[in-house]
Protein backbone atom coordinates (compact mmCIF):
# COMPACT_ATOMS: atom_id res chain seq x y z
CA UNK A 1 128.52 70.63 36.89
CA UNK A 2 127.81 74.31 37.50
CA UNK A 3 128.10 76.02 40.85
CA UNK A 4 124.38 76.80 40.71
CA UNK A 5 123.53 73.15 40.25
CA UNK A 6 125.44 72.35 43.45
CA UNK A 7 124.34 75.35 45.58
CA UNK A 8 120.59 75.29 44.95
CA UNK A 9 120.04 71.68 46.08
CA UNK A 10 122.39 72.22 49.02
CA UNK A 11 120.53 75.36 50.19
CA UNK A 12 117.17 73.62 49.78
CA UNK A 13 118.45 70.72 51.84
CA UNK A 14 119.74 72.99 54.62
CA UNK A 15 116.62 75.21 54.94
CA UNK A 16 114.60 72.69 57.00
CA UNK A 17 117.60 72.17 59.28
CA UNK A 18 117.92 75.92 59.82
CA UNK A 19 114.25 76.11 60.79
CA UNK A 20 114.80 73.39 63.41
CA UNK A 21 117.31 75.58 65.20
CA UNK A 22 114.89 78.47 65.68
CA UNK A 23 113.61 79.07 69.17
CA UNK A 24 109.83 78.92 69.61
CA UNK A 25 108.14 82.23 70.36
CA UNK A 26 108.65 83.09 74.01
CA UNK A 27 105.68 82.75 76.35
CA UNK A 28 104.44 86.34 76.60
CA UNK A 29 103.83 86.00 80.35
CA UNK A 30 100.93 87.18 82.45
CA UNK A 31 99.61 90.69 81.81
CA UNK A 32 98.22 93.02 84.49
CA UNK A 33 95.66 95.81 84.00
CA UNK A 34 93.54 98.23 86.03
CA UNK A 35 95.12 97.83 89.48
CA UNK A 36 93.64 99.69 92.45
CA UNK A 37 93.67 99.73 96.25
CA UNK A 38 90.60 100.02 98.45
CA UNK A 39 90.69 103.16 100.58
CA UNK A 40 90.64 102.91 104.35
CA UNK A 41 88.15 105.83 104.48
CA UNK A 42 85.13 104.63 106.45
CA UNK A 43 86.34 101.01 106.59
CA UNK A 44 85.20 98.79 109.50
CA UNK A 45 88.80 97.65 109.87
CA UNK A 46 91.08 100.50 108.69
CA UNK A 47 94.21 98.54 109.64
CA UNK A 48 93.74 96.39 106.53
CA UNK A 49 92.84 96.81 102.89
CA UNK A 50 93.22 95.00 99.58
CA UNK A 51 94.82 95.43 96.17
CA UNK A 52 92.82 94.40 93.12
CA UNK A 53 94.04 93.85 89.54
CA UNK A 54 92.94 92.08 86.36
CA UNK A 55 95.39 89.37 85.27
CA UNK A 56 95.44 87.81 81.80
CA UNK A 57 97.45 84.75 80.80
CA UNK A 58 97.81 84.65 76.98
CA UNK A 59 100.19 81.69 77.27
CA UNK A 60 99.59 77.99 76.85
CA UNK A 61 100.43 76.99 80.43
CA UNK A 62 98.71 77.93 83.69
CA UNK A 63 100.61 80.41 85.85
CA UNK A 64 100.26 80.96 89.58
CA UNK A 65 100.59 84.27 91.39
CA UNK A 66 102.72 83.18 94.35
CA UNK A 67 103.58 86.48 96.07
CA UNK A 68 103.00 90.21 96.16
CA UNK A 69 105.19 92.88 97.72
CA UNK A 70 103.76 96.37 98.24
CA UNK A 71 106.66 97.80 100.20
CA UNK A 72 106.46 99.03 103.76
CA UNK A 73 102.82 100.19 103.66
CA UNK A 74 101.73 96.98 105.41
CA UNK A 75 103.15 94.75 108.12
CA UNK A 76 101.97 91.71 106.16
CA UNK A 77 100.93 91.05 102.56
CA UNK A 78 99.08 87.85 101.66
CA UNK A 79 97.24 86.39 98.71
CA UNK A 80 93.64 85.70 99.72
CA UNK A 81 90.66 83.87 98.29
CA UNK A 82 87.00 83.65 99.21
CA UNK A 83 85.61 80.26 100.21
CA UNK A 84 82.46 78.81 101.68
CA UNK A 85 83.12 77.25 105.08
CA UNK A 86 80.24 75.81 107.12
CA UNK A 87 77.78 77.60 104.84
CA UNK A 88 79.42 81.00 105.31
CA UNK A 89 81.57 82.87 102.80
CA UNK A 90 84.93 83.72 104.39
CA UNK A 91 88.24 85.13 103.33
CA UNK A 92 91.32 82.97 103.76
CA UNK A 93 94.93 82.78 102.69
CA UNK A 94 95.24 81.26 99.20
CA UNK A 95 97.56 78.38 100.01
CA UNK A 96 99.67 77.74 96.92
CA UNK A 97 98.80 81.09 95.34
CA UNK A 98 96.22 82.25 92.82
CA UNK A 99 96.07 80.38 89.51
CA UNK A 100 95.75 82.28 86.23
CA UNK A 101 94.67 79.61 83.76
CA UNK A 102 96.23 79.46 80.29
CA UNK A 103 94.34 81.59 77.79
CA UNK A 104 92.09 83.08 80.50
CA UNK A 105 91.64 86.01 82.87
CA UNK A 106 91.75 86.06 86.66
CA UNK A 107 90.14 89.11 88.19
CA UNK A 108 91.43 89.97 91.64
CA UNK A 109 88.34 91.83 92.80
CA UNK A 110 86.14 92.50 95.85
CA UNK A 111 84.37 89.30 96.83
CA UNK A 112 86.99 87.18 95.06
CA UNK A 113 90.72 86.58 95.14
CA UNK A 114 92.80 89.61 96.11
CA UNK A 115 96.06 90.82 97.63
CA UNK A 116 95.48 91.54 101.32
CA UNK A 117 97.46 94.28 103.07
CA UNK A 118 97.35 93.89 106.86
CA UNK A 119 98.70 95.93 109.77
CA UNK A 120 98.83 99.08 107.66
CA UNK A 121 101.49 101.60 108.57
CA UNK A 122 99.18 104.52 107.68
CA UNK A 123 95.71 105.38 106.50
CA UNK A 124 95.04 105.30 102.76
CA UNK A 125 92.54 108.04 101.88
CA UNK A 126 90.93 107.86 98.44
CA UNK A 127 92.95 109.74 95.83
CA UNK A 128 95.88 110.16 98.21
CA UNK A 129 98.52 108.09 96.44
CA UNK A 130 99.39 105.16 94.24
CA UNK A 131 100.95 102.07 95.77
CA UNK A 132 103.73 100.31 93.93
CA UNK A 133 103.51 96.53 94.16
CA UNK A 134 105.51 93.72 92.61
CA UNK A 135 103.64 90.56 91.66
CA UNK A 136 105.65 87.33 91.44
CA UNK A 137 104.58 84.23 89.51
CA UNK A 138 105.63 80.59 89.77
CA UNK A 139 107.78 80.80 86.63
CA UNK A 140 109.84 83.70 88.07
CA UNK A 141 108.03 86.43 86.13
CA UNK A 142 107.51 89.65 88.04
CA UNK A 143 105.15 92.50 87.19
CA UNK A 144 105.38 95.94 88.76
CA UNK A 145 102.01 97.64 89.14
CA UNK A 146 101.05 101.11 90.32
CA UNK A 147 97.68 100.94 92.09
CA UNK A 148 95.79 104.15 92.89
CA UNK A 149 93.85 104.32 96.16
CA UNK A 150 90.13 104.43 95.30
CA UNK A 151 86.80 104.63 97.09
CA UNK A 152 85.08 101.28 97.57
CA UNK A 153 81.33 101.73 97.73
CA UNK A 154 80.11 98.12 97.52
CA UNK A 155 81.35 96.77 100.85
CA UNK A 156 80.01 93.29 101.59
CA UNK A 157 79.25 92.11 105.12
CA UNK A 158 81.50 89.08 104.61
CA UNK A 159 84.41 90.97 103.09
CA UNK A 160 86.39 91.06 106.34
CA UNK A 161 85.26 87.72 107.74
CA UNK A 162 88.34 85.51 108.02
CA UNK A 163 88.22 81.76 108.32
CA UNK A 164 88.23 80.79 111.98
CA UNK A 165 88.44 84.27 113.49
CA UNK A 166 84.76 85.13 113.87
CA UNK A 167 85.31 88.74 112.73
CA UNK A 168 82.49 90.40 110.86
CA UNK A 169 79.83 88.76 113.01
């Protein structure tokens, strides 16, 4: 029997086994685009502001934004959502984080989920700087964003109304 007659069937037999050992393509992780921070210029409550960003999850499993860290610019940083409570739209802490569904987008935007910066250490005039923030997801992924401070011209009356605090009335 020739060497070729032995090798060809052996290689053909081993090819499917080699394919079994390959790792599946890694989950690409959540993607972030177009971050920005609302200026404190002219704000009703200049001691707080928000970071907004568009998140995309191209993966096959939901991911949850569980934390954000924007350095020492704020005394507290929280993930917030908007909810209707007693017929009124209010802002509240997003217990458990902000879900970015598999194959979908989650827009952190005015009037929706956002990253709240409270007890600001300084004013944030439009065009003055870019804030560096690190976003952390439930699977351990982190994304560093650089969010420019921009003018916010579509302020809503309920934007600063927090659940249970009566502000904005």
